Amino acid sequence: MRIRSTKPEFWRSSRIASVGWDARLVLKGLESYVDDNGVGKDDLALIVGDVFPRDMLANPRDTLARVSEAISDLHQAGLIHRYEVDGTELLYISFWEDVQRIDKPGKGRFPRPDGTFDYKASVIRESVANPRESVAPGTGEQGNRGTGDFYSPSKSQSSSNRARVSTDAIHVPEMTRKLAARRGVNNIRSVVDAIVRHTGVTVDANGALQVALWILDKAKTAPSAPQRYVTGAITKNPLEVQQFIHENALGVA
C-alpha cells in the first residue's frame, strides 16, 4: 500500500458523485493499492486483503460482494479500466497522472492498456483524461486548487443514458449491416453503444463496423458468439479500442 493524496476536485466531481459511497471509498483504496503507474492486479482477494483486511476477517462474504460490486460500478462509470495482459487480469485507474502527482515514481510491474510502464509515459493519457480542459493555465500538473474536475469526461464523452438515446437513432447503411452480419455482428447499434459508453468516443455505424472487424481479426480463434465477443472486448479493453479509433480517425463530433 502506498501514500496517496486527494485533491479537492474529487469531492466536487459530478462523475464521482454518479457512483455510490462504497465505490468512492473503494476507489480511494485502489489508489493506494496500485503501482505508481496506476496499474494493479484485478484480483478481488488481493484488493480486499490490502484495502479492507479487518472487514475481511469480520465478514468476508459481505466484504467481497460489496467490493466486487463497487469495482464493477467504477468500471461502468469509466473511473477504472479492466483488461488482460498475457493471462493476467489488470485494472488501471483513469485520469491517473492528473489525480496523483508522484515526485519519485517507481517503475510499474504491469503495463497500462497502451503498453507503457512508467508514470507519465502513457501515450494516450490526454485522450482519456483531457487534462488541458481541467488544468488552469500556469498551475502545472497540480491543477488549480479548488477548481476544475479531473474526473470529468471530455466533450466527446457521454453518459450511459445519453449514449443509449443517441444510438437508437443512428443510421445504419444497408451495406454496413450486411457486412457486419457476415461476421456474426447482427446489431451494429449495440457496438456503437458499447464504444460510446466505455471509450467516451462517438462513432457512426461504419466506424463501429471497422472496430468490430478489427477486434474479430485479432482473435486467436474465431469466437462462437461474435456479437458478444466484440462488445465484451470493448468493455474489457476500452483504452486499446479508443487508441484504434483515434489512430484511424473514426471518431465523429
C-alpha atoms as a PDB file:
ATOM      1  CA  MET A   1       0.000   0.000   0.000  1.00  0.00           C
ATOM      2  CA  ARG A   2       1.238   3.486  -0.850  1.00  0.00           C
ATOM      3  CA  ILE A   3       0.680   7.003   0.434  1.00  0.00           C
ATOM      4  CA  ARG A   4      -1.535   8.986  -1.958  1.00  0.00           C
ATOM      5  CA  SER A   5      -3.088  12.432  -1.966  1.00  0.00           C
ATOM      6  CA  THR A   6      -6.685  13.509  -2.539  1.00  0.00           C
ATOM      7  CA  LYS A   7      -7.418  16.722  -4.416  1.00  0.00           C
ATOM      8  CA  PRO A   8     -10.485  18.872  -3.647  1.00  0.00           C
ATOM      9  CA  GLU A   9     -11.764  18.171  -7.169  1.00  0.00           C
ATOM     10  CA  PHE A  10     -12.503  14.601  -6.120  1.00  0.00           C
ATOM     11  CA  TRP A  11     -15.273  15.674  -3.747  1.00  0.00           C
ATOM     12  CA  ARG A  12     -16.825  18.107  -6.244  1.00  0.00           C
ATOM     13  CA  SER A  13     -16.720  15.823  -9.263  1.00  0.00           C
ATOM     14  CA  SER A  14     -20.050  15.005 -10.908  1.00  0.00           C
ATOM     15  CA  ARG A  15     -18.605  11.731 -12.188  1.00  0.00           C
ATOM     16  CA  ILE A  16     -17.510  10.690  -8.700  1.00  0.00           C
ATOM     17  CA  ALA A  17     -20.964  11.637  -7.432  1.00  0.00           C
ATOM     18  CA  SER A  18     -22.506   9.320 -10.038  1.00  0.00           C
ATOM     19  CA  VAL A  19     -21.282   6.246  -8.129  1.00  0.00           C
ATOM     20  CA  GLY A  20     -22.253   5.161  -4.637  1.00  0.00           C
ATOM     21  CA  TRP A  21     -20.328   5.833  -1.439  1.00  0.00           C
ATOM     22  CA  ASP A  22     -18.954   2.283  -1.396  1.00  0.00           C
ATOM     23  CA  ALA A  23     -17.467   2.800  -4.863  1.00  0.00           C
ATOM     24  CA  ARG A  24     -15.911   6.123  -3.866  1.00  0.00           C
ATOM     25  CA  LEU A  25     -14.236   4.559  -0.840  1.00  0.00           C
ATOM     26  CA  VAL A  26     -13.011   1.611  -2.890  1.00  0.00           C
ATOM     27  CA  LEU A  27     -11.582   3.992  -5.497  1.00  0.00           C
ATOM     28  CA  LYS A  28      -9.546   5.789  -2.841  1.00  0.00           C
ATOM     29  CA  GLY A  29      -8.353   2.409  -1.597  1.00  0.00           C
ATOM     30  CA  LEU A  30      -7.383   1.366  -5.116  1.00  0.00           C
ATOM     31  CA  GLU A  31      -5.259   4.495  -5.463  1.00  0.00           C
ATOM     32  CA  SER A  32      -3.058   3.180  -2.649  1.00  0.00           C
ATOM     33  CA  TYR A  33      -3.248  -0.401  -3.949  1.00  0.00           C
ATOM     34  CA  VAL A  34      -1.979   0.230  -7.499  1.00  0.00           C
ATOM     35  CA  ASP A  35       1.631   0.855  -8.507  1.00  0.00           C
ATOM     36  CA  ASP A  36       2.924   4.332  -9.291  1.00  0.00           C
ATOM     37  CA  ASN A  37       1.827   3.942 -12.917  1.00  0.00           C
ATOM     38  CA  GLY A  38      -1.801   3.464 -11.829  1.00  0.00           C
ATOM     39  CA  VAL A  39      -1.959  -0.277 -12.554  1.00  0.00           C
ATOM     40  CA  GLY A  40      -2.603  -3.224 -10.244  1.00  0.00           C
ATOM     41  CA  LYS A  41      -3.807  -6.802 -10.454  1.00  0.00           C
ATOM     42  CA  ASP A  42      -7.568  -7.078 -10.901  1.00  0.00           C
ATOM     43  CA  ASP A  43      -7.713  -9.692  -8.163  1.00  0.00           C
ATOM     44  CA  LEU A  44     -10.570  -9.277  -5.701  1.00  0.00           C
ATOM     45  CA  ALA A  45      -8.883 -11.279  -2.931  1.00  0.00           C
ATOM     46  CA  LEU A  46      -5.686  -9.217  -3.162  1.00  0.00           C
ATOM     47  CA  ILE A  47      -7.581  -5.930  -3.243  1.00  0.00           C
ATOM     48  CA  VAL A  48      -9.740  -6.760  -0.246  1.00  0.00           C
ATOM     49  CA  GLY A  49      -6.762  -8.159   1.650  1.00  0.00           C
ATOM     50  CA  ASP A  50      -4.851  -4.901   1.186  1.00  0.00           C
ATOM     51  CA  VAL A  51      -7.653  -2.352   1.447  1.00  0.00           C
ATOM     52  CA  PHE A  52     -10.162  -3.925   3.850  1.00  0.00           C
ATOM     53  CA  PRO A  53      -8.263  -6.530   5.919  1.00  0.00           C
ATOM     54  CA  ARG A  54     -10.312  -6.054   9.106  1.00  0.00           C
ATOM     55  CA  ASP A  55     -13.629  -6.191   7.255  1.00  0.00           C
ATOM     56  CA  MET A  56     -12.447  -9.353   5.519  1.00  0.00           C
ATOM     57  CA  LEU A  57     -11.817 -11.009   8.869  1.00  0.00           C
ATOM     58  CA  ALA A  58     -15.118  -9.870  10.367  1.00  0.00           C
ATOM     59  CA  ASN A  59     -17.452 -10.537   7.426  1.00  0.00           C
ATOM     60  CA  PRO A  60     -15.639 -11.965   4.380  1.00  0.00           C
ATOM     61  CA  ARG A  61     -18.672 -12.803   2.237  1.00  0.00           C
ATOM     62  CA  ASP A  62     -20.298  -9.365   2.551  1.00  0.00           C
ATOM     63  CA  THR A  63     -16.979  -7.573   2.115  1.00  0.00           C
ATOM     64  CA  LEU A  64     -16.102  -9.450  -1.069  1.00  0.00           C
ATOM     65  CA  ALA A  65     -19.572  -8.833  -2.509  1.00  0.00           C
ATOM     66  CA  ARG A  66     -19.577  -5.103  -1.735  1.00  0.00           C
ATOM     67  CA  VAL A  67     -16.076  -4.516  -3.099  1.00  0.00           C
ATOM     68  CA  SER A  68     -16.803  -6.570  -6.227  1.00  0.00           C
ATOM     69  CA  GLU A  69     -19.939  -4.519  -6.899  1.00  0.00           C
ATOM     70  CA  ALA A  70     -18.081  -1.265  -6.245  1.00  0.00           C
ATOM     71  CA  ILE A  71     -15.316  -2.167  -8.710  1.00  0.00           C
ATOM     72  CA  SER A  72     -17.930  -3.027 -11.325  1.00  0.00           C
ATOM     73  CA  ASP A  73     -19.616   0.345 -10.748  1.00  0.00           C
ATOM     74  CA  LEU A  74     -16.288   2.174 -11.091  1.00  0.00           C
ATOM     75  CA  HIS A  75     -15.636   0.381 -14.358  1.00  0.00           C
ATOM     76  CA  GLN A  76     -19.071   1.210 -15.733  1.00  0.00           C
ATOM     77  CA  ALA A  77     -18.562   4.876 -14.766  1.00  0.00           C
ATOM     78  CA  GLY A  78     -15.236   4.994 -16.620  1.00  0.00           C
ATOM     79  CA  LEU A  79     -13.241   5.589 -13.444  1.00  0.00           C
ATOM     80  CA  ILE A  80     -11.179   2.430 -13.880  1.00  0.00           C
ATOM     81  CA  HIS A  81     -10.335   0.275 -16.875  1.00  0.00           C
ATOM     82  CA  ARG A  82     -10.222  -3.516 -16.689  1.00  0.00           C
ATOM     83  CA  TYR A  83      -8.161  -5.518 -19.179  1.00  0.00           C
ATOM     84  CA  GLU A  84      -5.926  -8.569 -19.554  1.00  0.00           C
ATOM     85  CA  VAL A  85      -2.250  -8.926 -20.480  1.00  0.00           C
ATOM     86  CA  ASP A  86      -0.706 -12.375 -21.037  1.00  0.00           C
ATOM     87  CA  GLY A  87      -3.423 -14.019 -18.973  1.00  0.00           C
ATOM     88  CA  THR A  88      -3.123 -11.576 -16.054  1.00  0.00           C
ATOM     89  CA  GLU A  89      -6.225  -9.515 -15.291  1.00  0.00           C
ATOM     90  CA  LEU A  90      -5.345  -5.902 -14.534  1.00  0.00           C
ATOM     91  CA  LEU A  91      -7.023  -2.621 -13.693  1.00  0.00           C
ATOM     92  CA  TYR A  92      -5.884   0.911 -14.439  1.00  0.00           C
ATOM     93  CA  ILE A  93      -7.223   3.998 -12.688  1.00  0.00           C
ATOM     94  CA  SER A  94      -8.450   6.590 -15.171  1.00  0.00           C
ATOM     95  CA  PHE A  95      -7.009  10.122 -15.196  1.00  0.00           C
ATOM     96  CA  TRP A  96      -4.129   8.791 -13.103  1.00  0.00           C
ATOM     97  CA  GLU A  97      -1.481  11.409 -13.884  1.00  0.00           C
ATOM     98  CA  ASP A  98      -3.944  14.191 -13.202  1.00  0.00           C
ATOM     99  CA  VAL A  99      -5.272  12.968  -9.862  1.00  0.00           C
ATOM    100  CA  GLN A 100      -1.951  11.779  -8.434  1.00  0.00           C
ATOM    101  CA  ARG A 101       1.283  13.745  -8.541  1.00  0.00           C
ATOM    102  CA  ILE A 102       4.171  11.386  -7.788  1.00  0.00           C
ATOM    103  CA  ASP A 103       7.561  13.054  -7.419  1.00  0.00           C
ATOM    104  CA  LYS A 104       9.768   9.953  -7.469  1.00  0.00           C
ATOM    105  CA  PRO A 105       7.681   7.224  -9.111  1.00  0.00           C
ATOM    106  CA  GLY A 106       8.783   3.620  -9.107  1.00  0.00           C
ATOM    107  CA  LYS A 107       8.582   1.507 -12.231  1.00  0.00           C
ATOM    108  CA  GLY A 108       5.273  -0.244 -12.676  1.00  0.00           C
ATOM    109  CA  ARG A 109       5.217  -4.036 -12.534  1.00  0.00           C
ATOM    110  CA  PHE A 110       2.423  -4.300 -15.085  1.00  0.00           C
ATOM    111  CA  PRO A 111       1.735  -2.436 -18.349  1.00  0.00           C
ATOM    112  CA  ARG A 112      -1.059   0.018 -18.889  1.00  0.00           C
ATOM    113  CA  PRO A 113      -3.574  -0.724 -21.643  1.00  0.00           C
ATOM    114  CA  ASP A 114      -1.327   1.174 -24.088  1.00  0.00           C
ATOM    115  CA  GLY A 115       1.699  -0.960 -23.158  1.00  0.00           C
ATOM    116  CA  THR A 116       3.626   1.690 -21.203  1.00  0.00           C
ATOM    117  CA  PHE A 117       5.000   1.027 -17.719  1.00  0.00           C
ATOM    118  CA  ASP A 118       6.267   4.328 -16.336  1.00  0.00           C
ATOM    119  CA  TYR A 119       4.452   7.224 -14.706  1.00  0.00           C
ATOM    120  CA  LYS A 120       3.882   9.998 -17.254  1.00  0.00           C
ATOM    121  CA  ALA A 121       4.801   7.666 -20.121  1.00  0.00           C
ATOM    122  CA  SER A 122       1.308   6.910 -21.386  1.00  0.00           C
ATOM    123  CA  VAL A 123       0.781   7.975 -24.986  1.00  0.00           C
ATOM    124  CA  ILE A 124      -2.993   8.095 -24.621  1.00  0.00           C
ATOM    125  CA  ARG A 125      -3.282   9.926 -21.316  1.00  0.00           C
ATOM    126  CA  GLU A 126      -4.577  13.170 -22.806  1.00  0.00           C
ATOM    127  CA  SER A 127      -7.185  11.497 -24.985  1.00  0.00           C
ATOM    128  CA  VAL A 128      -8.551   9.756 -21.885  1.00  0.00           C
ATOM    129  CA  ALA A 129      -8.344  12.436 -19.224  1.00  0.00           C
ATOM    130  CA  ASN A 130      -8.391  15.573 -21.397  1.00  0.00           C
ATOM    131  CA  PRO A 131      -6.217  17.421 -18.839  1.00  0.00           C
ATOM    132  CA  ARG A 132      -5.944  20.633 -20.844  1.00  0.00           C
ATOM    133  CA  GLU A 133      -9.559  21.405 -20.071  1.00  0.00           C
ATOM    134  CA  SER A 134      -9.065  20.590 -16.389  1.00  0.00           C
ATOM    135  CA  VAL A 135      -5.797  22.315 -15.527  1.00  0.00           C
ATOM    136  CA  ALA A 136      -5.862  26.063 -15.120  1.00  0.00           C
ATOM    137  CA  PRO A 137      -3.136  27.986 -17.013  1.00  0.00           C
ATOM    138  CA  GLY A 138       0.082  28.384 -15.060  1.00  0.00           C
ATOM    139  CA  THR A 139      -0.736  25.767 -12.416  1.00  0.00           C
ATOM    140  CA  GLY A 140       1.144  22.841 -13.973  1.00  0.00           C
ATOM    141  CA  GLU A 141       0.415  19.231 -13.055  1.00  0.00           C
ATOM    142  CA  GLN A 142      -1.201  20.018  -9.724  1.00  0.00           C
ATOM    143  CA  GLY A 143      -4.037  21.972 -11.267  1.00  0.00           C
ATOM    144  CA  ASN A 144      -5.699  24.994  -9.711  1.00  0.00           C
ATOM    145  CA  ARG A 145      -6.599  24.076  -6.161  1.00  0.00           C
ATOM    146  CA  GLY A 146     -10.349  24.013  -5.734  1.00  0.00           C
ATOM    147  CA  THR A 147     -11.215  24.363  -9.426  1.00  0.00           C
ATOM    148  CA  GLY A 148     -11.734  22.051 -12.384  1.00  0.00           C
ATOM    149  CA  ASP A 149     -12.807  18.428 -12.399  1.00  0.00           C
ATOM    150  CA  PHE A 150     -10.097  15.946 -13.297  1.00  0.00           C
ATOM    151  CA  TYR A 151     -12.675  13.157 -13.373  1.00  0.00           C
ATOM    152  CA  SER A 152     -14.988  14.848 -15.860  1.00  0.00           C
ATOM    153  CA  PRO A 153     -15.390  13.316 -19.310  1.00  0.00           C
ATOM    154  CA  SER A 154     -14.126  15.173 -22.370  1.00  0.00           C
ATOM    155  CA  LYS A 155     -16.517  16.893 -24.768  1.00  0.00           C
ATOM    156  CA  SER A 156     -16.822  13.716 -26.819  1.00  0.00           C
ATOM    157  CA  GLN A 157     -17.865  11.620 -23.831  1.00  0.00           C
ATOM    158  CA  SER A 158     -21.484  10.849 -22.956  1.00  0.00           C
ATOM    159  CA  SER A 159     -23.259   9.343 -20.012  1.00  0.00           C
ATOM    160  CA  SER A 160     -24.680   5.852 -20.400  1.00  0.00           C
ATOM    161  CA  ASN A 161     -28.228   7.177 -20.689  1.00  0.00           C
ATOM    162  CA  ARG A 162     -27.337   9.726 -23.370  1.00  0.00           C
ATOM    163  CA  ALA A 163     -25.412   7.045 -25.243  1.00  0.00           C
ATOM    164  CA  ARG A 164     -28.432   4.766 -25.344  1.00  0.00           C
ATOM    165  CA  VAL A 165     -30.678   7.526 -26.633  1.00  0.00           C
ATOM    166  CA  SER A 166     -28.227   8.632 -29.335  1.00  0.00           C
ATOM    167  CA  THR A 167     -27.515   5.135 -30.665  1.00  0.00           C
ATOM    168  CA  ASP A 168     -31.197   4.308 -31.014  1.00  0.00           C
ATOM    169  CA  ALA A 169     -31.428   6.903 -33.756  1.00  0.00           C
ATOM    170  CA  ILE A 170     -28.197   6.301 -35.677  1.00  0.00           C
ATOM    171  CA  HIS A 171     -28.418   5.433 -39.339  1.00  0.00           C
ATOM    172  CA  VAL A 172     -27.055   2.027 -40.293  1.00  0.00           C
ATOM    173  CA  PRO A 173     -26.480   1.755 -44.056  1.00  0.00           C
ATOM    174  CA  GLU A 174     -27.703  -1.496 -45.570  1.00  0.00           C
ATOM    175  CA  MET A 175     -24.249  -2.438 -46.807  1.00  0.00           C
ATOM    176  CA  THR A 176     -22.783  -1.824 -43.346  1.00  0.00           C
ATOM    177  CA  ARG A 177     -25.453  -4.023 -41.789  1.00  0.00           C
ATOM    178  CA  LYS A 178     -24.788  -6.819 -44.298  1.00  0.00           C
ATOM    179  CA  LEU A 179     -21.002  -6.683 -43.852  1.00  0.00           C
ATOM    180  CA  ALA A 180     -21.395  -6.838 -40.092  1.00  0.00           C
ATOM    181  CA  ALA A 181     -23.886  -9.702 -40.295  1.00  0.00           C
ATOM    182  CA  ARG A 182     -21.476 -11.735 -42.431  1.00  0.00           C
ATOM    183  CA  ARG A 183     -19.083 -11.747 -39.473  1.00  0.00           C
ATOM    184  CA  GLY A 184     -21.820 -12.535 -36.967  1.00  0.00           C
ATOM    185  CA  VAL A 185     -22.336  -8.986 -35.690  1.00  0.00           C
ATOM    186  CA  ASN A 186     -26.094  -8.652 -36.047  1.00  0.00           C
ATOM    187  CA  ASN A 187     -26.625  -5.483 -34.010  1.00  0.00           C
ATOM    188  CA  ILE A 188     -24.195  -2.761 -35.008  1.00  0.00           C
ATOM    189  CA  ARG A 189     -26.044  -0.246 -32.818  1.00  0.00           C
ATOM    190  CA  SER A 190     -25.036  -2.193 -29.718  1.00  0.00           C
ATOM    191  CA  VAL A 191     -21.407  -1.914 -30.858  1.00  0.00           C
ATOM    192  CA  VAL A 192     -21.776   1.862 -31.200  1.00  0.00           C
ATOM    193  CA  ASP A 193     -23.374   1.960 -27.752  1.00  0.00           C
ATOM    194  CA  ALA A 194     -20.539  -0.055 -26.198  1.00  0.00           C
ATOM    195  CA  ILE A 195     -17.922   2.187 -27.798  1.00  0.00           C
ATOM    196  CA  VAL A 196     -19.560   5.403 -26.607  1.00  0.00           C
ATOM    197  CA  ARG A 197     -20.197   4.120 -23.090  1.00  0.00           C
ATOM    198  CA  HIS A 198     -16.789   2.605 -22.463  1.00  0.00           C
ATOM    199  CA  THR A 199     -14.356   4.729 -24.501  1.00  0.00           C
ATOM    200  CA  GLY A 200     -16.112   8.094 -24.422  1.00  0.00           C
ATOM    201  CA  VAL A 201     -15.747   8.436 -28.213  1.00  0.00           C
ATOM    202  CA  THR A 202     -18.714   8.755 -30.549  1.00  0.00           C
ATOM    203  CA  VAL A 203     -18.552   6.766 -33.788  1.00  0.00           C
ATOM    204  CA  ASP A 204     -21.036   6.172 -36.574  1.00  0.00           C
ATOM    205  CA  ALA A 205     -22.148   2.767 -37.860  1.00  0.00           C
ATOM    206  CA  ASN A 206     -19.246   2.480 -40.322  1.00  0.00           C
ATOM    207  CA  GLY A 207     -16.732   3.338 -37.602  1.00  0.00           C
ATOM    208  CA  ALA A 208     -18.291   0.746 -35.318  1.00  0.00           C
ATOM    209  CA  LEU A 209     -18.036  -1.836 -38.102  1.00  0.00           C
ATOM    210  CA  GLN A 210     -14.309  -1.145 -38.501  1.00  0.00           C
ATOM    211  CA  VAL A 211     -13.827  -1.549 -34.761  1.00  0.00           C
ATOM    212  CA  ALA A 212     -15.783  -4.822 -34.771  1.00  0.00           C
ATOM    213  CA  LEU A 213     -13.826  -6.251 -37.707  1.00  0.00           C
ATOM    214  CA  TRP A 214     -10.535  -5.209 -36.103  1.00  0.00           C
ATOM    215  CA  ILE A 215     -11.471  -6.986 -32.873  1.00  0.00           C
ATOM    216  CA  LEU A 216     -12.589 -10.140 -34.699  1.00  0.00           C
ATOM    217  CA  ASP A 217      -9.461 -10.188 -36.874  1.00  0.00           C
ATOM    218  CA  LYS A 218      -7.308 -10.001 -33.743  1.00  0.00           C
ATOM    219  CA  ALA A 219      -8.964 -13.028 -32.143  1.00  0.00           C
ATOM    220  CA  LYS A 220      -6.697 -16.080 -31.990  1.00  0.00           C
ATOM    221  CA  THR A 221      -9.644 -18.328 -32.825  1.00  0.00           C
ATOM    222  CA  ALA A 222     -12.989 -17.488 -34.370  1.00  0.00           C
ATOM    223  CA  PRO A 223     -15.388 -16.702 -31.494  1.00  0.00           C
ATOM    224  CA  SER A 224     -18.564 -18.748 -31.284  1.00  0.00           C
ATOM    225  CA  ALA A 225     -20.605 -15.623 -30.461  1.00  0.00           C
ATOM    226  CA  PRO A 226     -19.047 -12.743 -32.454  1.00  0.00           C
ATOM    227  CA  GLN A 227     -21.533 -10.101 -31.321  1.00  0.00           C
ATOM    228  CA  ARG A 228     -20.925 -10.829 -27.645  1.00  0.00           C
ATOM    229  CA  TYR A 229     -17.185 -11.172 -28.214  1.00  0.00           C
ATOM    230  CA  VAL A 230     -16.945  -7.708 -29.808  1.00  0.00           C
ATOM    231  CA  THR A 231     -18.917  -5.863 -27.148  1.00  0.00           C
ATOM    232  CA  GLY A 232     -17.079  -7.783 -24.440  1.00  0.00           C
ATOM    233  CA  ALA A 233     -13.703  -6.795 -25.900  1.00  0.00           C
ATOM    234  CA  ILE A 234     -14.758  -3.133 -25.976  1.00  0.00           C
ATOM    235  CA  THR A 235     -15.865  -3.322 -22.357  1.00  0.00           C
ATOM    236  CA  LYS A 236     -12.687  -5.036 -21.210  1.00  0.00           C
ATOM    237  CA  ASN A 237     -10.137  -3.063 -23.256  1.00  0.00           C
ATOM    238  CA  PRO A 238     -11.621   0.420 -23.767  1.00  0.00           C
ATOM    239  CA  LEU A 239      -8.302   2.272 -23.953  1.00  0.00           C
ATOM    240  CA  GLU A 240      -6.981  -0.029 -26.661  1.00  0.00           C
ATOM    241  CA  VAL A 241     -10.196   0.459 -28.630  1.00  0.00           C
ATOM    242  CA  GLN A 242     -10.020   4.208 -28.090  1.00  0.00           C
ATOM    243  CA  GLN A 243      -6.454   4.270 -29.407  1.00  0.00           C
ATOM    244  CA  PHE A 244      -7.509   2.344 -32.539  1.00  0.00           C
ATOM    245  CA  ILE A 245     -10.344   4.816 -33.131  1.00  0.00           C
ATOM    246  CA  HIS A 246      -8.028   7.825 -32.821  1.00  0.00           C
ATOM    247  CA  GLU A 247      -5.298   6.302 -34.988  1.00  0.00           C
ATOM    248  CA  ASN A 248      -7.800   5.591 -37.757  1.00  0.00           C
ATOM    249  CA  ALA A 249      -9.747   8.857 -37.349  1.00  0.00           C
ATOM    250  CA  LEU A 250     -13.015   7.005 -36.789  1.00  0.00           C
ATOM    251  CA  GLY A 251     -14.433   9.358 -34.167  1.00  0.00           C
ATOM    252  CA  VAL A 252     -17.190  11.764 -35.109  1.00  0.00           C
ATOM    253  CA  ALA A 253     -18.174  15.043 -33.484  1.00  0.00           C
END
